[in-house]
Amino acid sequence: MKASIATLESKLSTAKYANASVVANVREALATAKAVLANEAAKQEEVNVQKEILSALGTVVTESNKLGLEKEQADKDKIAKEEAERNATPTEKALSEAKSALDKVSSEADVSNTLAVTELRKKEVVPENRAAIEAAVAKNQAVLNESKILLADKSVTKEQVDAQLARLQ
């Protein structure tokens, strides 16, 4: 059990992003485990229970720290984005709005494509209708692929985004 205590203490000491209530509960569990360890009359069953608790809490500390770190990073990203938006020129703001619109329309088109393909698999469709639907889905997918490339391009212009939006609509 000494090793379990040491392991959990080590995890706790490096978990600077862990939730405060998790840290408090772990410290309490460590105190209990140390008391059981110090009690010479403690039964093996009590020791085993404490080892299991410490092991489970090790996972909780790790996950809590990971979530805390992710939250802190998300908060930093949000602040940076807000700062960038405040300092953006009117042209940059217009481009950002256009890219957001393209992203939204692309997502909707992607969902529509997926639904169309799913329906084609499920239902009997007249061959000429099937061919027309498959052609429309393929065309739409090609435009979607272009949209993804365009959205990833850092040098894209508002005019390019607007033209791509027109192709999707």
C-alpha atoms as a PDB file:
ATOM      1  CA  MET A   1       0.000   0.000   0.000  1.00  0.00           C
ATOM      2  CA  LYS A   2       2.992   2.316   0.494  1.00  0.00           C
ATOM      3  CA  ALA A   3       3.596   2.200  -3.241  1.00  0.00           C
ATOM      4  CA  SER A   4      -0.053   3.039  -3.953  1.00  0.00           C
ATOM      5  CA  ILE A   5       0.126   6.017  -1.596  1.00  0.00           C
ATOM      6  CA  ALA A   6       3.374   7.230  -3.153  1.00  0.00           C
ATOM      7  CA  THR A   7       1.990   6.863  -6.670  1.00  0.00           C
ATOM      8  CA  LEU A   8      -1.144   8.824  -5.880  1.00  0.00           C
ATOM      9  CA  GLU A   9       0.815  11.523  -4.049  1.00  0.00           C
ATOM     10  CA  SER A  10       3.065  11.851  -7.077  1.00  0.00           C
ATOM     11  CA  LYS A  11       0.105  12.179  -9.446  1.00  0.00           C
ATOM     12  CA  LEU A  12      -1.492  14.708  -7.123  1.00  0.00           C
ATOM     13  CA  SER A  13       1.674  16.812  -6.920  1.00  0.00           C
ATOM     14  CA  THR A  14       1.831  17.152 -10.719  1.00  0.00           C
ATOM     15  CA  ALA A  15      -1.911  17.690 -11.248  1.00  0.00           C
ATOM     16  CA  LYS A  16      -1.965  21.470 -11.195  1.00  0.00           C
ATOM     17  CA  TYR A  17      -5.123  21.655 -13.343  1.00  0.00           C
ATOM     18  CA  ALA A  18      -7.178  19.115 -11.356  1.00  0.00           C
ATOM     19  CA  ASN A  19     -10.523  20.176  -9.923  1.00  0.00           C
ATOM     20  CA  ALA A  20     -10.260  21.479  -6.339  1.00  0.00           C
ATOM     21  CA  SER A  21     -12.920  19.098  -5.019  1.00  0.00           C
ATOM     22  CA  VAL A  22     -11.091  16.152  -6.595  1.00  0.00           C
ATOM     23  CA  VAL A  23      -7.853  17.265  -4.927  1.00  0.00           C
ATOM     24  CA  ALA A  24      -9.625  17.626  -1.544  1.00  0.00           C
ATOM     25  CA  ASN A  25     -11.216  14.180  -1.837  1.00  0.00           C
ATOM     26  CA  VAL A  26      -7.904  12.603  -2.833  1.00  0.00           C
ATOM     27  CA  ARG A  27      -6.123  14.190   0.120  1.00  0.00           C
ATOM     28  CA  GLU A  28      -8.828  12.877   2.419  1.00  0.00           C
ATOM     29  CA  ALA A  29      -8.508   9.388   0.911  1.00  0.00           C
ATOM     30  CA  LEU A  30      -4.727   9.541   1.291  1.00  0.00           C
ATOM     31  CA  ALA A  31      -5.113  10.451   4.968  1.00  0.00           C
ATOM     32  CA  THR A  32      -7.465   7.507   5.454  1.00  0.00           C
ATOM     33  CA  ALA A  33      -5.104   5.128   3.642  1.00  0.00           C
ATOM     34  CA  LYS A  34      -2.155   6.324   5.735  1.00  0.00           C
ATOM     35  CA  ALA A  35      -4.181   5.772   8.907  1.00  0.00           C
ATOM     36  CA  VAL A  36      -5.034   2.219   7.809  1.00  0.00           C
ATOM     37  CA  LEU A  37      -1.378   1.606   6.955  1.00  0.00           C
ATOM     38  CA  ALA A  38      -0.255   2.888  10.360  1.00  0.00           C
ATOM     39  CA  ASN A  39      -2.809   0.724  12.174  1.00  0.00           C
ATOM     40  CA  GLU A  40      -1.058  -2.529  12.946  1.00  0.00           C
ATOM     41  CA  ALA A  41      -4.414  -4.133  13.739  1.00  0.00           C
ATOM     42  CA  ALA A  42      -5.768  -3.372  10.251  1.00  0.00           C
ATOM     43  CA  LYS A  43      -6.991  -6.405   8.380  1.00  0.00           C
ATOM     44  CA  GLN A  44      -5.700  -7.295   4.934  1.00  0.00           C
ATOM     45  CA  GLU A  45      -9.185  -6.694   3.574  1.00  0.00           C
ATOM     46  CA  GLU A  46      -9.056  -3.061   4.769  1.00  0.00           C
ATOM     47  CA  VAL A  47      -5.641  -2.625   3.174  1.00  0.00           C
ATOM     48  CA  ASN A  48      -6.901  -4.110  -0.112  1.00  0.00           C
ATOM     49  CA  VAL A  49      -9.939  -1.805  -0.112  1.00  0.00           C
ATOM     50  CA  GLN A  50      -7.699   1.231   0.420  1.00  0.00           C
ATOM     51  CA  LYS A  51      -5.378   0.110  -2.395  1.00  0.00           C
ATOM     52  CA  GLU A  52      -8.362  -0.173  -4.758  1.00  0.00           C
ATOM     53  CA  ILE A  53      -9.606   3.266  -3.738  1.00  0.00           C
ATOM     54  CA  LEU A  54      -6.166   4.795  -4.259  1.00  0.00           C
ATOM     55  CA  SER A  55      -5.844   3.136  -7.651  1.00  0.00           C
ATOM     56  CA  ALA A  56      -9.247   4.428  -8.787  1.00  0.00           C
ATOM     57  CA  LEU A  57      -8.440   7.901  -7.493  1.00  0.00           C
ATOM     58  CA  GLY A  58      -5.225   7.897  -9.516  1.00  0.00           C
ATOM     59  CA  THR A  59      -7.351   7.652 -12.646  1.00  0.00           C
ATOM     60  CA  VAL A  60      -9.694  10.356 -11.359  1.00  0.00           C
ATOM     61  CA  VAL A  61      -6.775  12.722 -10.693  1.00  0.00           C
ATOM     62  CA  THR A  62      -5.326  12.092 -14.157  1.00  0.00           C
ATOM     63  CA  GLU A  63      -8.668  12.679 -15.885  1.00  0.00           C
ATOM     64  CA  SER A  64      -9.487  15.735 -13.783  1.00  0.00           C
ATOM     65  CA  ASN A  65      -6.092  17.236 -14.557  1.00  0.00           C
ATOM     66  CA  LYS A  66      -6.569  16.523 -18.270  1.00  0.00           C
ATOM     67  CA  LEU A  67     -10.022  18.159 -18.275  1.00  0.00           C
ATOM     68  CA  GLY A  68      -8.716  21.151 -16.328  1.00  0.00           C
ATOM     69  CA  LEU A  69      -5.862  21.592 -18.779  1.00  0.00           C
ATOM     70  CA  GLU A  70      -8.252  21.348 -21.731  1.00  0.00           C
ATOM     71  CA  LYS A  71     -10.549  23.933 -20.108  1.00  0.00           C
ATOM     72  CA  GLU A  72      -7.659  26.299 -19.469  1.00  0.00           C
ATOM     73  CA  GLN A  73      -6.483  25.934 -23.063  1.00  0.00           C
ATOM     74  CA  ALA A  74     -10.025  26.511 -24.338  1.00  0.00           C
ATOM     75  CA  ASP A  75     -10.280  29.635 -22.176  1.00  0.00           C
ATOM     76  CA  LYS A  76      -6.955  30.919 -23.535  1.00  0.00           C
ATOM     77  CA  ASP A  77      -8.066  30.185 -27.093  1.00  0.00           C
ATOM     78  CA  LYS A  78     -11.347  32.005 -26.501  1.00  0.00           C
ATOM     79  CA  ILE A  79      -9.536  35.056 -25.119  1.00  0.00           C
ATOM     80  CA  ALA A  80      -7.108  35.043 -28.038  1.00  0.00           C
ATOM     81  CA  LYS A  81      -9.990  34.766 -30.516  1.00  0.00           C
ATOM     82  CA  GLU A  82     -11.864  37.622 -28.837  1.00  0.00           C
ATOM     83  CA  GLU A  83      -8.703  39.726 -28.886  1.00  0.00           C
ATOM     84  CA  ALA A  84      -8.157  38.961 -32.560  1.00  0.00           C
ATOM     85  CA  GLU A  85     -11.766  39.876 -33.318  1.00  0.00           C
ATOM     86  CA  ARG A  86     -11.429  43.195 -31.451  1.00  0.00           C
ATOM     87  CA  ASN A  87      -8.279  44.051 -33.371  1.00  0.00           C
ATOM     88  CA  ALA A  88      -9.515  42.804 -36.751  1.00  0.00           C
ATOM     89  CA  THR A  89      -9.900  45.197 -39.633  1.00  0.00           C
ATOM     90  CA  PRO A  90     -13.282  45.470 -41.364  1.00  0.00           C
ATOM     91  CA  THR A  91     -11.896  43.348 -44.220  1.00  0.00           C
ATOM     92  CA  GLU A  92     -10.727  40.647 -41.792  1.00  0.00           C
ATOM     93  CA  LYS A  93     -14.111  40.695 -40.037  1.00  0.00           C
ATOM     94  CA  ALA A  94     -15.939  40.329 -43.349  1.00  0.00           C
ATOM     95  CA  LEU A  95     -13.673  37.422 -44.321  1.00  0.00           C
ATOM     96  CA  SER A  96     -14.216  35.760 -40.942  1.00  0.00           C
ATOM     97  CA  GLU A  97     -17.994  36.068 -41.288  1.00  0.00           C
ATOM     98  CA  ALA A  98     -17.882  34.701 -44.837  1.00  0.00           C
ATOM     99  CA  LYS A  99     -15.710  31.754 -43.730  1.00  0.00           C
ATOM    100  CA  SER A 100     -18.138  31.027 -40.878  1.00  0.00           C
ATOM    101  CA  ALA A 101     -21.036  31.042 -43.328  1.00  0.00           C
ATOM    102  CA  LEU A 102     -19.132  28.732 -45.701  1.00  0.00           C
ATOM    103  CA  ASP A 103     -18.293  26.382 -42.838  1.00  0.00           C
ATOM    104  CA  LYS A 104     -21.965  26.247 -41.784  1.00  0.00           C
ATOM    105  CA  VAL A 105     -23.266  25.680 -45.319  1.00  0.00           C
ATOM    106  CA  SER A 106     -20.559  23.041 -45.914  1.00  0.00           C
ATOM    107  CA  SER A 107     -21.598  21.192 -42.767  1.00  0.00           C
ATOM    108  CA  GLU A 108     -25.236  21.259 -43.827  1.00  0.00           C
ATOM    109  CA  ALA A 109     -24.345  20.047 -47.319  1.00  0.00           C
ATOM    110  CA  ASP A 110     -22.242  17.250 -45.838  1.00  0.00           C
ATOM    111  CA  VAL A 111     -25.198  16.123 -43.729  1.00  0.00           C
ATOM    112  CA  SER A 112     -27.477  16.264 -46.782  1.00  0.00           C
ATOM    113  CA  ASN A 113     -25.017  14.132 -48.757  1.00  0.00           C
ATOM    114  CA  THR A 114     -24.827  11.582 -45.961  1.00  0.00           C
ATOM    115  CA  LEU A 115     -28.614  11.394 -45.731  1.00  0.00           C
ATOM    116  CA  ALA A 116     -28.956  10.999 -49.500  1.00  0.00           C
ATOM    117  CA  VAL A 117     -26.422   8.161 -49.587  1.00  0.00           C
ATOM    118  CA  THR A 118     -28.105   6.474 -46.620  1.00  0.00           C
ATOM    119  CA  GLU A 119     -31.526   6.692 -48.275  1.00  0.00           C
ATOM    120  CA  LEU A 120     -30.128   5.268 -51.516  1.00  0.00           C
ATOM    121  CA  ARG A 121     -28.880   2.236 -49.605  1.00  0.00           C
ATOM    122  CA  LYS A 122     -32.179   1.685 -47.816  1.00  0.00           C
ATOM    123  CA  LYS A 123     -34.732   2.159 -50.553  1.00  0.00           C
ATOM    124  CA  GLU A 124     -35.527   0.860 -53.986  1.00  0.00           C
ATOM    125  CA  VAL A 125     -34.910   3.754 -56.340  1.00  0.00           C
ATOM    126  CA  VAL A 126     -35.695   3.848 -60.047  1.00  0.00           C
ATOM    127  CA  PRO A 127     -32.355   3.419 -61.884  1.00  0.00           C
ATOM    128  CA  GLU A 128     -32.493   6.777 -63.684  1.00  0.00           C
ATOM    129  CA  ASN A 129     -33.327   8.567 -60.409  1.00  0.00           C
ATOM    130  CA  ARG A 130     -30.548   6.684 -58.648  1.00  0.00           C
ATOM    131  CA  ALA A 131     -28.044   7.821 -61.272  1.00  0.00           C
ATOM    132  CA  ALA A 132     -29.201  11.439 -60.956  1.00  0.00           C
ATOM    133  CA  ILE A 133     -28.984  11.351 -57.149  1.00  0.00           C
ATOM    134  CA  GLU A 134     -25.555   9.711 -57.213  1.00  0.00           C
ATOM    135  CA  ALA A 135     -24.316  12.328 -59.701  1.00  0.00           C
ATOM    136  CA  ALA A 136     -25.658  15.159 -57.509  1.00  0.00           C
ATOM    137  CA  VAL A 137     -24.029  13.663 -54.420  1.00  0.00           C
ATOM    138  CA  ALA A 138     -20.691  13.272 -56.245  1.00  0.00           C
ATOM    139  CA  LYS A 139     -20.840  16.867 -57.524  1.00  0.00           C
ATOM    140  CA  ASN A 140     -21.747  18.116 -54.069  1.00  0.00           C
ATOM    141  CA  GLN A 141     -18.890  16.120 -52.532  1.00  0.00           C
ATOM    142  CA  ALA A 142     -16.407  17.639 -54.972  1.00  0.00           C
ATOM    143  CA  VAL A 143     -17.577  21.147 -54.021  1.00  0.00           C
ATOM    144  CA  LEU A 144     -17.377  20.185 -50.330  1.00  0.00           C
ATOM    145  CA  ASN A 145     -13.783  19.028 -50.783  1.00  0.00           C
ATOM    146  CA  GLU A 146     -12.946  22.343 -52.457  1.00  0.00           C
ATOM    147  CA  SER A 147     -14.604  24.170 -49.546  1.00  0.00           C
ATOM    148  CA  LYS A 148     -12.488  22.316 -46.992  1.00  0.00           C
ATOM    149  CA  ILE A 149      -9.319  23.193 -48.884  1.00  0.00           C
ATOM    150  CA  LEU A 150     -10.406  26.818 -49.165  1.00  0.00           C
ATOM    151  CA  LEU A 151     -11.264  27.067 -45.457  1.00  0.00           C
ATOM    152  CA  ALA A 152      -7.826  25.707 -44.540  1.00  0.00           C
ATOM    153  CA  ASP A 153      -6.053  28.211 -46.804  1.00  0.00           C
ATOM    154  CA  LYS A 154      -4.692  31.134 -44.760  1.00  0.00           C
ATOM    155  CA  SER A 155      -4.380  33.375 -47.842  1.00  0.00           C
ATOM    156  CA  VAL A 156      -8.008  32.969 -48.979  1.00  0.00           C
ATOM    157  CA  THR A 157      -9.942  36.102 -49.904  1.00  0.00           C
ATOM    158  CA  LYS A 158     -13.544  37.017 -49.160  1.00  0.00           C
ATOM    159  CA  GLU A 159     -14.293  36.903 -52.886  1.00  0.00           C
ATOM    160  CA  GLN A 160     -13.066  33.300 -53.102  1.00  0.00           C
ATOM    161  CA  VAL A 161     -15.165  32.333 -50.085  1.00  0.00           C
ATOM    162  CA  ASP A 162     -18.235  34.081 -51.516  1.00  0.00           C
ATOM    163  CA  ALA A 163     -17.782  32.292 -54.853  1.00  0.00           C
ATOM    164  CA  GLN A 164     -17.499  28.941 -53.078  1.00  0.00           C
ATOM    165  CA  LEU A 165     -20.629  29.726 -51.044  1.00  0.00           C
ATOM    166  CA  ALA A 166     -22.486  30.418 -54.282  1.00  0.00           C
ATOM    167  CA  ARG A 167     -21.425  26.997 -55.638  1.00  0.00           C
ATOM    168  CA  LEU A 168     -22.773  25.262 -52.551  1.00  0.00           C
ATOM    169  CA  GLN A 169     -26.124  27.027 -52.522  1.00  0.00           C
END
